[in-house]
């Protein structure tokens, strides 16, 4: 270290010096991305916890549990929230409820709330993704005898920027990958 410079090897017989005040990383950028993520686990009993904590203090250390046991749901991170939609929730007055509800976990305070608007159809084992500020809950299992794969041929779309529209249902091509459900979610901590 000489005059506030940091020296790095640039190959045999050569080196490069950069000011110490400049941000730099000597690691692979893909590893930096991994370091900025965490993972939460949502068990079918409704227990929610960090499996891998975010490396920064952006999100709440403590996550509240869901108000009900649930399985076969779809889950996705939407900005500073985790959206859990559909699934099969336990109820005291019936064995299971095919859920049209979306539960939203605020990662900043660690508390759950339900989305005011319910989906049009129950979604068991749906796929979820976010595109153009819209949350998509796609497919899910169905008992419709017309189904060739056992998967719904629809998706529901919720516009985050225009919540007064609620959920809209769109037809999609029937897919055959509605048989998986994950209890772990990678969280982008940036």
N, C-alpha and C. Protein backbone atom coordinates (compact mmCIF):
# COMPACT_ATOMS: atom_id res chain seq x y z
N UNK A 1 0.86 -1.18 0.00
CA UNK A 1 0.00 0.00 0.00
C UNK A 1 0.90 1.23 0.00
N UNK A 2 0.84 2.00 -1.08
CA UNK A 2 1.69 3.18 -1.21
C UNK A 2 0.84 4.34 -1.71
N UNK A 3 0.77 5.42 -0.92
CA UNK A 3 0.04 6.64 -1.29
C UNK A 3 -1.42 6.38 -1.60
N UNK A 4 -2.04 5.51 -0.85
CA UNK A 4 -3.47 5.25 -1.04
C UNK A 4 -3.78 4.42 -2.27
N UNK A 5 -2.79 3.69 -2.79
CA UNK A 5 -3.02 2.84 -3.95
C UNK A 5 -3.01 1.38 -3.53
N UNK A 6 -3.85 0.58 -4.16
CA UNK A 6 -3.88 -0.86 -3.94
C UNK A 6 -3.38 -1.50 -5.23
N UNK A 7 -2.43 -2.44 -5.15
CA UNK A 7 -1.80 -3.03 -6.32
C UNK A 7 -2.29 -4.47 -6.49
N UNK A 8 -2.64 -4.81 -7.76
CA UNK A 8 -3.09 -6.14 -8.12
C UNK A 8 -2.19 -6.68 -9.21
N UNK A 9 -1.98 -7.96 -9.21
CA UNK A 9 -1.21 -8.60 -10.28
C UNK A 9 -2.04 -8.58 -11.55
N UNK A 10 -1.41 -8.24 -12.67
CA UNK A 10 -2.09 -8.22 -13.96
C UNK A 10 -1.45 -9.24 -14.90
N UNK A 11 -0.84 -10.24 -14.34
CA UNK A 11 -0.17 -11.26 -15.14
C UNK A 11 1.31 -11.29 -14.78
N UNK A 12 2.05 -12.21 -15.37
CA UNK A 12 3.48 -12.34 -15.05
C UNK A 12 4.24 -11.05 -15.34
N UNK A 13 4.90 -10.51 -14.33
CA UNK A 13 5.75 -9.36 -14.49
C UNK A 13 5.05 -8.02 -14.59
N UNK A 14 3.72 -7.96 -14.43
CA UNK A 14 3.03 -6.66 -14.51
C UNK A 14 2.01 -6.56 -13.40
N UNK A 15 1.66 -5.31 -13.07
CA UNK A 15 0.67 -5.08 -12.02
C UNK A 15 -0.12 -3.82 -12.34
N UNK A 16 -1.25 -3.68 -11.67
CA UNK A 16 -2.12 -2.52 -11.85
C UNK A 16 -2.38 -1.95 -10.47
N UNK A 17 -2.31 -0.61 -10.36
CA UNK A 17 -2.61 0.05 -9.10
C UNK A 17 -3.87 0.88 -9.25
N UNK A 18 -4.76 0.78 -8.26
CA UNK A 18 -6.00 1.57 -8.27
C UNK A 18 -6.12 2.27 -6.93
N UNK A 19 -6.77 3.45 -6.92
CA UNK A 19 -6.96 4.12 -5.64
C UNK A 19 -7.79 3.27 -4.70
N UNK A 20 -7.43 3.26 -3.40
CA UNK A 20 -8.17 2.48 -2.42
C UNK A 20 -9.61 2.94 -2.28
N UNK A 21 -9.89 4.19 -2.61
CA UNK A 21 -11.22 4.72 -2.43
C UNK A 21 -12.20 4.25 -3.51
N UNK A 22 -11.70 3.68 -4.61
CA UNK A 22 -12.60 3.20 -5.66
C UNK A 22 -13.22 1.87 -5.25
N UNK A 23 -14.51 1.68 -5.52
CA UNK A 23 -15.09 0.38 -5.22
C UNK A 23 -14.53 -0.67 -6.18
N UNK A 24 -14.19 -1.80 -5.67
CA UNK A 24 -13.67 -2.86 -6.50
C UNK A 24 -14.03 -4.19 -5.87
N UNK A 25 -13.98 -5.20 -6.68
CA UNK A 25 -14.24 -6.54 -6.18
C UNK A 25 -13.26 -7.48 -6.84
N UNK A 26 -12.67 -8.34 -6.07
CA UNK A 26 -11.74 -9.32 -6.62
C UNK A 26 -12.44 -10.66 -6.84
N UNK A 27 -13.75 -10.69 -6.60
CA UNK A 27 -14.48 -11.95 -6.76
C UNK A 27 -15.27 -11.95 -8.06
N UNK A 28 -15.70 -13.13 -8.47
CA UNK A 28 -16.54 -13.31 -9.63
C UNK A 28 -17.88 -12.62 -9.39
N UNK A 29 -18.39 -11.80 -10.36
CA UNK A 29 -19.67 -11.10 -10.16
C UNK A 29 -20.84 -12.05 -9.87
N UNK A 30 -20.82 -13.25 -10.44
CA UNK A 30 -21.92 -14.18 -10.17
C UNK A 30 -21.92 -14.59 -8.70
N UNK A 31 -20.73 -14.64 -8.07
CA UNK A 31 -20.67 -14.94 -6.65
C UNK A 31 -21.21 -13.77 -5.83
N UNK A 32 -21.00 -12.52 -6.31
CA UNK A 32 -21.56 -11.36 -5.63
C UNK A 32 -23.08 -11.44 -5.60
N UNK A 33 -23.69 -11.89 -6.72
CA UNK A 33 -25.14 -12.03 -6.77
C UNK A 33 -25.63 -13.04 -5.75
N UNK A 34 -24.90 -14.16 -5.62
CA UNK A 34 -25.28 -15.18 -4.65
C UNK A 34 -25.22 -14.62 -3.24
N UNK A 35 -24.24 -13.75 -2.98
CA UNK A 35 -24.07 -13.17 -1.66
C UNK A 35 -25.18 -12.19 -1.32
N UNK A 36 -25.91 -11.71 -2.33
CA UNK A 36 -26.97 -10.75 -2.08
C UNK A 36 -28.34 -11.43 -2.06
N UNK A 37 -28.36 -12.72 -1.80
CA UNK A 37 -29.63 -13.43 -1.74
C UNK A 37 -29.74 -14.19 -0.42
N UNK A 38 -30.98 -14.49 -0.08
CA UNK A 38 -31.28 -15.31 1.08
C UNK A 38 -32.29 -16.37 0.66
N UNK A 39 -32.80 -17.11 1.61
CA UNK A 39 -33.81 -18.12 1.31
C UNK A 39 -34.74 -18.27 2.50
N UNK A 40 -36.03 -18.26 2.20
CA UNK A 40 -37.00 -18.54 3.26
C UNK A 40 -37.67 -19.88 2.98
N UNK A 41 -38.11 -20.49 4.05
CA UNK A 41 -38.83 -21.76 3.98
C UNK A 41 -40.22 -21.53 4.54
N UNK A 42 -41.23 -22.02 3.80
CA UNK A 42 -42.61 -21.95 4.25
C UNK A 42 -43.10 -23.39 4.33
N UNK A 43 -43.22 -23.89 5.55
CA UNK A 43 -43.65 -25.28 5.75
C UNK A 43 -45.16 -25.40 5.63
N UNK A 44 -45.64 -26.59 5.31
CA UNK A 44 -47.08 -26.79 5.16
C UNK A 44 -47.84 -26.58 6.46
N UNK A 45 -47.12 -26.55 7.58
CA UNK A 45 -47.76 -26.27 8.87
C UNK A 45 -48.01 -24.77 9.06
N UNK A 46 -47.45 -23.94 8.14
CA UNK A 46 -47.60 -22.50 8.24
C UNK A 46 -46.40 -21.82 8.89
N UNK A 47 -45.42 -22.61 9.31
CA UNK A 47 -44.21 -22.04 9.91
C UNK A 47 -43.35 -21.42 8.81
N UNK A 48 -42.90 -20.19 9.05
CA UNK A 48 -42.09 -19.44 8.08
C UNK A 48 -40.81 -19.00 8.77
N UNK A 49 -39.68 -19.22 8.11
CA UNK A 49 -38.41 -18.80 8.72
C UNK A 49 -37.36 -18.64 7.65
N UNK A 50 -36.33 -17.87 7.99
CA UNK A 50 -35.18 -17.75 7.11
C UNK A 50 -34.40 -19.06 7.16
N UNK A 51 -34.13 -19.63 6.01
CA UNK A 51 -33.25 -20.77 5.89
C UNK A 51 -31.82 -20.24 5.73
N UNK A 52 -31.69 -19.20 4.90
CA UNK A 52 -30.44 -18.46 4.73
C UNK A 52 -30.80 -16.98 4.82
N UNK A 53 -30.28 -16.30 5.83
CA UNK A 53 -30.57 -14.88 6.03
C UNK A 53 -29.90 -14.03 4.96
N UNK A 54 -30.53 -12.92 4.64
CA UNK A 54 -29.91 -11.95 3.74
C UNK A 54 -28.64 -11.43 4.40
N UNK A 55 -27.60 -11.17 3.60
CA UNK A 55 -26.34 -10.70 4.19
C UNK A 55 -26.39 -9.24 4.66
N UNK A 56 -27.46 -8.54 4.34
CA UNK A 56 -27.59 -7.15 4.80
C UNK A 56 -28.78 -7.07 5.76
N UNK A 57 -29.03 -5.90 6.30
CA UNK A 57 -30.12 -5.72 7.26
C UNK A 57 -31.37 -5.14 6.63
N UNK A 58 -31.53 -5.30 5.32
CA UNK A 58 -32.68 -4.71 4.62
C UNK A 58 -34.00 -5.31 5.11
N UNK A 59 -34.03 -6.62 5.32
CA UNK A 59 -35.28 -7.29 5.64
C UNK A 59 -35.34 -7.71 7.11
N UNK A 60 -36.55 -7.85 7.59
CA UNK A 60 -36.80 -8.20 8.98
C UNK A 60 -36.11 -9.52 9.35
N UNK A 61 -35.50 -9.51 10.51
CA UNK A 61 -34.87 -10.72 11.03
C UNK A 61 -35.92 -11.78 11.37
N UNK A 62 -37.05 -11.32 11.88
CA UNK A 62 -38.12 -12.21 12.34
C UNK A 62 -39.28 -12.20 11.34
N UNK A 63 -39.71 -13.37 10.90
CA UNK A 63 -40.84 -13.51 9.98
C UNK A 63 -41.98 -14.19 10.71
N UNK A 64 -43.18 -13.59 10.65
CA UNK A 64 -44.31 -14.21 11.33
C UNK A 64 -44.78 -15.43 10.54
N UNK A 65 -45.42 -16.36 11.25
CA UNK A 65 -45.95 -17.55 10.62
C UNK A 65 -47.28 -17.24 9.96
N UNK A 66 -47.65 -18.07 8.99
CA UNK A 66 -48.97 -17.94 8.36
C UNK A 66 -50.05 -18.24 9.40
N UNK A 67 -51.25 -17.73 9.16
CA UNK A 67 -52.36 -17.92 10.10
C UNK A 67 -53.02 -19.28 9.92
N UNK A 68 -52.58 -20.04 8.93
CA UNK A 68 -53.18 -21.34 8.65
C UNK A 68 -52.12 -22.28 8.08
N UNK A 69 -52.35 -23.55 8.24
CA UNK A 69 -51.50 -24.54 7.57
C UNK A 69 -51.88 -24.55 6.10
N UNK A 70 -50.91 -24.66 5.21
CA UNK A 70 -51.20 -24.64 3.78
C UNK A 70 -50.15 -25.45 3.02
N UNK A 71 -50.59 -26.07 1.95
CA UNK A 71 -49.67 -26.82 1.09
C UNK A 71 -50.10 -26.64 -0.36
N UNK A 72 -49.22 -27.00 -1.28
CA UNK A 72 -49.48 -26.95 -2.72
C UNK A 72 -49.74 -25.54 -3.25
N UNK A 73 -49.09 -24.54 -2.70
CA UNK A 73 -49.26 -23.15 -3.09
C UNK A 73 -48.21 -22.76 -4.13
N UNK A 74 -48.41 -21.59 -4.73
CA UNK A 74 -47.39 -20.96 -5.56
C UNK A 74 -46.80 -19.82 -4.74
N UNK A 75 -45.53 -19.49 -4.97
CA UNK A 75 -44.89 -18.44 -4.19
C UNK A 75 -43.85 -17.73 -5.05
N UNK A 76 -43.77 -16.39 -4.89
CA UNK A 76 -42.84 -15.58 -5.66
C UNK A 76 -42.51 -14.31 -4.88
N UNK A 77 -41.33 -13.77 -5.09
CA UNK A 77 -40.99 -12.48 -4.50
C UNK A 77 -41.44 -11.37 -5.44
N UNK A 78 -42.13 -10.39 -4.89
CA UNK A 78 -42.57 -9.21 -5.64
C UNK A 78 -42.02 -8.00 -4.90
N UNK A 79 -40.91 -7.47 -5.39
CA UNK A 79 -40.20 -6.37 -4.74
C UNK A 79 -39.87 -6.73 -3.28
N UNK A 80 -40.40 -6.00 -2.30
CA UNK A 80 -40.09 -6.26 -0.89
C UNK A 80 -41.15 -7.14 -0.21
N UNK A 81 -41.83 -7.94 -1.02
CA UNK A 81 -42.89 -8.81 -0.49
C UNK A 81 -42.74 -10.22 -1.06
N UNK A 82 -43.31 -11.17 -0.35
CA UNK A 82 -43.44 -12.54 -0.84
C UNK A 82 -44.94 -12.78 -1.01
N UNK A 83 -45.33 -13.17 -2.22
CA UNK A 83 -46.73 -13.49 -2.50
C UNK A 83 -46.88 -15.00 -2.50
N UNK A 84 -47.80 -15.51 -1.71
CA UNK A 84 -48.13 -16.93 -1.64
C UNK A 84 -49.58 -17.04 -2.07
N UNK A 85 -49.83 -17.71 -3.19
CA UNK A 85 -51.19 -17.75 -3.76
C UNK A 85 -51.66 -19.18 -3.95
N UNK A 86 -52.96 -19.36 -3.77
CA UNK A 86 -53.58 -20.66 -3.99
C UNK A 86 -53.18 -21.66 -2.93
N UNK A 87 -53.19 -22.91 -3.32
CA UNK A 87 -52.84 -23.98 -2.41
C UNK A 87 -54.05 -24.62 -1.78
N UNK A 88 -53.79 -25.45 -0.82
CA UNK A 88 -54.83 -26.15 -0.08
C UNK A 88 -54.62 -25.82 1.40
N UNK A 89 -55.54 -25.07 1.96
CA UNK A 89 -55.41 -24.61 3.34
C UNK A 89 -56.27 -25.46 4.26
N UNK A 90 -55.77 -25.73 5.44
CA UNK A 90 -56.55 -26.47 6.44
C UNK A 90 -57.61 -25.57 7.03
N UNK A 91 -58.78 -26.14 7.27
CA UNK A 91 -59.87 -25.42 7.94
C UNK A 91 -60.43 -26.32 9.01
N UNK A 92 -60.94 -25.71 10.05
CA UNK A 92 -61.51 -26.49 11.16
C UNK A 92 -62.85 -27.12 10.78
N UNK A 93 -63.64 -26.43 9.94
CA UNK A 93 -64.98 -26.91 9.62
C UNK A 93 -65.01 -27.82 8.39
N UNK A 94 -63.88 -27.99 7.71
CA UNK A 94 -63.80 -28.89 6.56
C UNK A 94 -62.38 -29.42 6.49
N UNK A 95 -62.20 -30.51 5.78
CA UNK A 95 -60.87 -31.10 5.74
C UNK A 95 -59.84 -30.16 5.10
N UNK A 96 -60.12 -29.66 3.91
CA UNK A 96 -59.21 -28.74 3.23
C UNK A 96 -60.01 -27.75 2.38
N UNK A 97 -59.47 -26.58 2.25
CA UNK A 97 -60.09 -25.54 1.43
C UNK A 97 -59.18 -25.27 0.24
N UNK A 98 -59.71 -25.39 -0.96
CA UNK A 98 -58.94 -25.03 -2.14
C UNK A 98 -58.93 -23.51 -2.21
N UNK A 99 -57.78 -22.96 -2.00
CA UNK A 99 -57.67 -21.52 -1.75
C UNK A 99 -57.66 -20.68 -3.02
N UNK A 100 -58.42 -19.58 -2.98
CA UNK A 100 -58.39 -18.53 -4.00
C UNK A 100 -57.68 -17.30 -3.44
N UNK A 101 -57.11 -17.44 -2.26
CA UNK A 101 -56.51 -16.32 -1.55
C UNK A 101 -55.03 -16.19 -1.87
N UNK A 102 -54.54 -14.95 -1.85
CA UNK A 102 -53.10 -14.68 -1.88
C UNK A 102 -52.73 -14.05 -0.55
N UNK A 103 -51.73 -14.61 0.10
CA UNK A 103 -51.16 -14.06 1.32
C UNK A 103 -49.89 -13.33 0.95
N UNK A 104 -49.67 -12.18 1.56
CA UNK A 104 -48.51 -11.36 1.23
C UNK A 104 -47.69 -11.11 2.48
N UNK A 105 -46.42 -11.52 2.43
CA UNK A 105 -45.48 -11.31 3.52
C UNK A 105 -44.65 -10.06 3.20
N UNK A 106 -44.75 -9.04 4.05
CA UNK A 106 -43.93 -7.85 3.91
C UNK A 106 -42.57 -8.19 4.51
N UNK A 107 -41.54 -8.24 3.68
CA UNK A 107 -40.22 -8.62 4.15
C UNK A 107 -39.59 -7.55 5.04
N UNK A 108 -40.07 -6.31 4.94
CA UNK A 108 -39.51 -5.22 5.74
C UNK A 108 -39.91 -5.32 7.21
N UNK A 109 -41.18 -5.73 7.47
CA UNK A 109 -41.62 -5.85 8.86
C UNK A 109 -41.91 -7.29 9.28
N UNK A 110 -41.87 -8.24 8.33
CA UNK A 110 -42.04 -9.66 8.65
C UNK A 110 -43.48 -10.08 8.93
N UNK A 111 -44.46 -9.27 8.51
CA UNK A 111 -45.87 -9.56 8.82
C UNK A 111 -46.65 -9.93 7.55
N UNK A 112 -47.61 -10.85 7.73
CA UNK A 112 -48.48 -11.31 6.65
C UNK A 112 -49.77 -10.50 6.62
N UNK A 113 -50.34 -10.38 5.44
CA UNK A 113 -51.69 -9.84 5.23
C UNK A 113 -52.29 -10.58 4.04
N UNK A 114 -53.60 -10.58 3.94
CA UNK A 114 -54.20 -11.21 2.77
C UNK A 114 -54.51 -10.12 1.74
N UNK A 115 -54.38 -10.47 0.48
CA UNK A 115 -54.74 -9.57 -0.60
C UNK A 115 -56.26 -9.42 -0.57
N UNK A 116 -56.74 -8.20 -0.66
CA UNK A 116 -58.18 -7.94 -0.56
C UNK A 116 -59.00 -8.70 -1.60
N UNK A 117 -58.46 -8.85 -2.76
CA UNK A 117 -59.21 -9.51 -3.85
C UNK A 117 -58.78 -10.96 -3.99
N UNK A 118 -59.75 -11.85 -4.09
CA UNK A 118 -59.48 -13.28 -4.28
C UNK A 118 -59.42 -13.57 -5.78
N UNK A 119 -58.67 -14.62 -6.11
CA UNK A 119 -58.62 -15.09 -7.50
C UNK A 119 -59.98 -15.68 -7.88
N UNK A 120 -60.21 -15.80 -9.16
CA UNK A 120 -61.48 -16.36 -9.66
C UNK A 120 -61.58 -17.87 -9.44
N UNK A 121 -60.44 -18.57 -9.55
CA UNK A 121 -60.42 -20.03 -9.46
C UNK A 121 -59.43 -20.47 -8.39
N UNK A 122 -59.71 -21.60 -7.73
CA UNK A 122 -58.71 -22.14 -6.81
C UNK A 122 -57.49 -22.58 -7.63
N UNK A 123 -56.33 -22.38 -7.05
CA UNK A 123 -55.08 -22.74 -7.74
C UNK A 123 -54.26 -23.63 -6.83
N UNK A 124 -54.20 -24.91 -7.15
CA UNK A 124 -53.39 -25.86 -6.39
C UNK A 124 -52.17 -26.19 -7.23
N UNK A 125 -51.00 -26.01 -6.65
CA UNK A 125 -49.70 -26.21 -7.30
C UNK A 125 -49.54 -25.32 -8.54
N UNK A 126 -49.86 -24.04 -8.43
CA UNK A 126 -49.68 -23.16 -9.59
C UNK A 126 -48.23 -22.73 -9.76
N UNK A 127 -47.93 -22.21 -10.92
CA UNK A 127 -46.65 -21.55 -11.18
C UNK A 127 -46.90 -20.05 -11.01
N UNK A 128 -45.90 -19.32 -10.54
CA UNK A 128 -46.04 -17.88 -10.38
C UNK A 128 -44.84 -17.18 -10.99
N UNK A 129 -45.10 -16.01 -11.57
CA UNK A 129 -44.02 -15.16 -12.05
C UNK A 129 -44.51 -13.72 -12.10
N UNK A 130 -43.56 -12.79 -12.23
CA UNK A 130 -43.87 -11.37 -12.31
C UNK A 130 -43.32 -10.86 -13.64
N UNK A 131 -44.15 -10.08 -14.34
CA UNK A 131 -43.72 -9.48 -15.61
C UNK A 131 -44.47 -8.18 -15.80
N UNK A 132 -43.76 -7.12 -16.14
CA UNK A 132 -44.36 -5.80 -16.41
C UNK A 132 -45.29 -5.34 -15.30
N UNK A 133 -44.84 -5.45 -14.05
CA UNK A 133 -45.60 -5.03 -12.86
C UNK A 133 -46.93 -5.78 -12.72
N UNK A 134 -46.96 -6.99 -13.21
CA UNK A 134 -48.14 -7.84 -13.06
C UNK A 134 -47.71 -9.17 -12.46
N UNK A 135 -48.53 -9.68 -11.53
CA UNK A 135 -48.29 -10.99 -10.92
C UNK A 135 -49.15 -12.00 -11.68
N UNK A 136 -48.52 -13.07 -12.13
CA UNK A 136 -49.21 -14.14 -12.86
C UNK A 136 -49.27 -15.38 -11.98
N UNK A 137 -50.46 -15.95 -11.85
CA UNK A 137 -50.65 -17.24 -11.17
C UNK A 137 -51.18 -18.17 -12.26
N UNK A 138 -50.31 -19.06 -12.71
CA UNK A 138 -50.59 -19.86 -13.91
C UNK A 138 -50.92 -21.30 -13.57
N UNK A 139 -51.93 -21.81 -14.25
CA UNK A 139 -52.28 -23.22 -14.24
C UNK A 139 -52.69 -23.70 -12.85
N UNK A 140 -52.12 -24.78 -12.39
CA UNK A 140 -52.57 -25.45 -11.17
C UNK A 140 -53.37 -26.68 -11.54
N UNK A 141 -53.54 -27.58 -10.61
CA UNK A 141 -54.25 -28.83 -10.91
C UNK A 141 -55.75 -28.59 -11.04
N UNK A 142 -56.39 -29.47 -11.79
CA UNK A 142 -57.84 -29.41 -11.96
C UNK A 142 -58.40 -30.83 -12.04
N UNK A 143 -59.65 -30.97 -11.66
CA UNK A 143 -60.32 -32.27 -11.79
C UNK A 143 -61.24 -32.28 -13.01
N UNK A 144 -61.14 -31.27 -13.85
CA UNK A 144 -61.96 -31.18 -15.06
C UNK A 144 -61.67 -32.38 -15.96
N UNK A 145 -62.70 -33.15 -16.30
CA UNK A 145 -62.51 -34.36 -17.11
C UNK A 145 -62.09 -34.02 -18.55
N UNK A 146 -62.27 -32.77 -18.97
CA UNK A 146 -61.85 -32.34 -20.31
C UNK A 146 -60.34 -32.07 -20.37
N UNK A 147 -59.70 -31.98 -19.22
CA UNK A 147 -58.27 -31.69 -19.19
C UNK A 147 -57.47 -32.91 -19.63
N UNK A 148 -56.51 -32.69 -20.51
CA UNK A 148 -55.66 -33.77 -21.00
C UNK A 148 -54.51 -34.06 -20.05
N UNK A 149 -54.13 -33.07 -19.24
CA UNK A 149 -52.94 -33.21 -18.39
C UNK A 149 -53.24 -33.12 -16.90
N UNK A 150 -54.45 -32.73 -16.53
CA UNK A 150 -54.77 -32.51 -15.13
C UNK A 150 -54.41 -31.12 -14.65
N UNK A 151 -54.00 -30.25 -15.60
CA UNK A 151 -53.62 -28.87 -15.27
C UNK A 151 -54.63 -27.88 -15.85
N UNK A 152 -54.89 -26.80 -15.12
CA UNK A 152 -55.78 -25.76 -15.63
C UNK A 152 -55.19 -25.09 -16.87
N UNK A 153 -56.05 -24.73 -17.80
CA UNK A 153 -55.62 -24.05 -19.03
C UNK A 153 -55.91 -22.55 -18.92
N UNK A 154 -55.73 -22.01 -17.72
CA UNK A 154 -55.93 -20.58 -17.50
C UNK A 154 -54.83 -20.04 -16.58
N UNK A 155 -54.70 -18.73 -16.57
CA UNK A 155 -53.85 -18.04 -15.62
C UNK A 155 -54.59 -16.81 -15.14
N UNK A 156 -54.26 -16.37 -13.94
CA UNK A 156 -54.85 -15.16 -13.41
C UNK A 156 -53.76 -14.11 -13.29
N UNK A 157 -54.13 -12.87 -13.60
CA UNK A 157 -53.17 -11.78 -13.67
C UNK A 157 -53.65 -10.64 -12.78
N UNK A 158 -52.72 -10.12 -11.96
CA UNK A 158 -53.02 -9.01 -11.05
C UNK A 158 -52.06 -7.88 -11.36
N UNK A 159 -52.61 -6.74 -11.76
CA UNK A 159 -51.81 -5.57 -12.11
C UNK A 159 -51.49 -4.80 -10.84
N UNK A 160 -50.24 -4.79 -10.44
CA UNK A 160 -49.81 -4.13 -9.21
C UNK A 160 -50.01 -2.63 -9.28
N UNK A 161 -49.90 -2.07 -10.48
CA UNK A 161 -50.04 -0.62 -10.64
C UNK A 161 -51.50 -0.17 -10.78
N UNK A 162 -52.42 -1.10 -11.02
CA UNK A 162 -53.84 -0.77 -11.14
C UNK A 162 -54.65 -1.82 -10.39
N UNK A 163 -54.59 -1.77 -9.07
CA UNK A 163 -55.21 -2.80 -8.23
C UNK A 163 -56.74 -2.79 -8.29
N UNK A 164 -57.33 -1.70 -8.77
CA UNK A 164 -58.80 -1.64 -8.86
C UNK A 164 -59.34 -2.65 -9.87
N UNK A 165 -58.50 -3.11 -10.78
CA UNK A 165 -58.93 -4.11 -11.76
C UNK A 165 -59.11 -5.49 -11.13
N UNK A 166 -58.45 -5.73 -10.02
CA UNK A 166 -58.50 -7.06 -9.40
C UNK A 166 -57.82 -8.08 -10.30
N UNK A 167 -58.24 -9.33 -10.18
CA UNK A 167 -57.67 -10.42 -10.98
C UNK A 167 -58.40 -10.52 -12.31
N UNK A 168 -57.67 -10.74 -13.38
CA UNK A 168 -58.28 -11.07 -14.66
C UNK A 168 -57.84 -12.48 -15.04
N UNK A 169 -58.71 -13.22 -15.66
CA UNK A 169 -58.41 -14.60 -16.05
C UNK A 169 -58.16 -14.65 -17.55
N UNK A 170 -57.09 -15.33 -17.93
CA UNK A 170 -56.73 -15.48 -19.34
C UNK A 170 -56.58 -16.95 -19.66
N UNK A 171 -57.00 -17.33 -20.86
CA UNK A 171 -56.78 -18.69 -21.33
C UNK A 171 -55.32 -18.84 -21.75
N UNK A 172 -54.76 -20.00 -21.47
CA UNK A 172 -53.40 -20.34 -21.90
C UNK A 172 -53.43 -21.75 -22.47
N UNK A 173 -52.37 -22.13 -23.13
CA UNK A 173 -52.27 -23.50 -23.60
C UNK A 173 -52.08 -24.41 -22.39
N UNK A 174 -52.78 -25.52 -22.38
CA UNK A 174 -52.68 -26.45 -21.26
C UNK A 174 -51.26 -26.99 -21.16
N UNK A 175 -50.73 -26.98 -19.96
CA UNK A 175 -49.36 -27.44 -19.73
C UNK A 175 -49.41 -28.67 -18.82
N UNK A 176 -48.30 -29.35 -18.69
CA UNK A 176 -48.30 -30.56 -17.86
C UNK A 176 -47.29 -30.49 -16.73
N UNK A 177 -47.03 -29.29 -16.22
CA UNK A 177 -46.06 -29.16 -15.13
C UNK A 177 -46.71 -28.55 -13.89
N UNK A 178 -47.89 -28.99 -13.58
CA UNK A 178 -48.58 -28.46 -12.41
C UNK A 178 -48.55 -29.45 -11.24
N UNK A 179 -47.52 -30.25 -11.20
CA UNK A 179 -47.46 -31.27 -10.16
C UNK A 179 -46.39 -31.00 -9.11
N UNK A 180 -45.74 -29.83 -9.18
CA UNK A 180 -44.69 -29.52 -8.22
C UNK A 180 -45.08 -28.32 -7.37
N UNK A 181 -44.62 -28.35 -6.15
CA UNK A 181 -44.80 -27.22 -5.24
C UNK A 181 -43.56 -27.16 -4.36
N UNK A 182 -43.01 -25.96 -4.20
CA UNK A 182 -41.78 -25.81 -3.42
C UNK A 182 -42.05 -25.04 -2.15
N UNK A 183 -41.39 -25.42 -1.07
CA UNK A 183 -41.55 -24.70 0.19
C UNK A 183 -40.41 -23.73 0.42
N UNK A 184 -39.41 -23.69 -0.49
CA UNK A 184 -38.27 -22.78 -0.35
C UNK A 184 -38.32 -21.72 -1.44
N UNK A 185 -37.95 -20.50 -1.07
CA UNK A 185 -37.94 -19.39 -2.01
C UNK A 185 -36.66 -18.60 -1.85
N UNK A 186 -35.93 -18.42 -2.95
CA UNK A 186 -34.73 -17.58 -2.96
C UNK A 186 -35.19 -16.12 -2.92
N UNK A 187 -34.61 -15.33 -2.02
CA UNK A 187 -34.96 -13.93 -1.85
C UNK A 187 -33.84 -13.05 -2.38
N UNK A 188 -34.18 -12.12 -3.27
CA UNK A 188 -33.23 -11.13 -3.73
C UNK A 188 -33.14 -10.06 -2.65
N UNK A 189 -32.00 -9.90 -2.04
CA UNK A 189 -31.84 -9.00 -0.89
C UNK A 189 -31.40 -7.59 -1.26
N UNK A 190 -31.25 -7.30 -2.53
CA UNK A 190 -30.80 -5.96 -2.93
C UNK A 190 -31.89 -4.94 -2.88
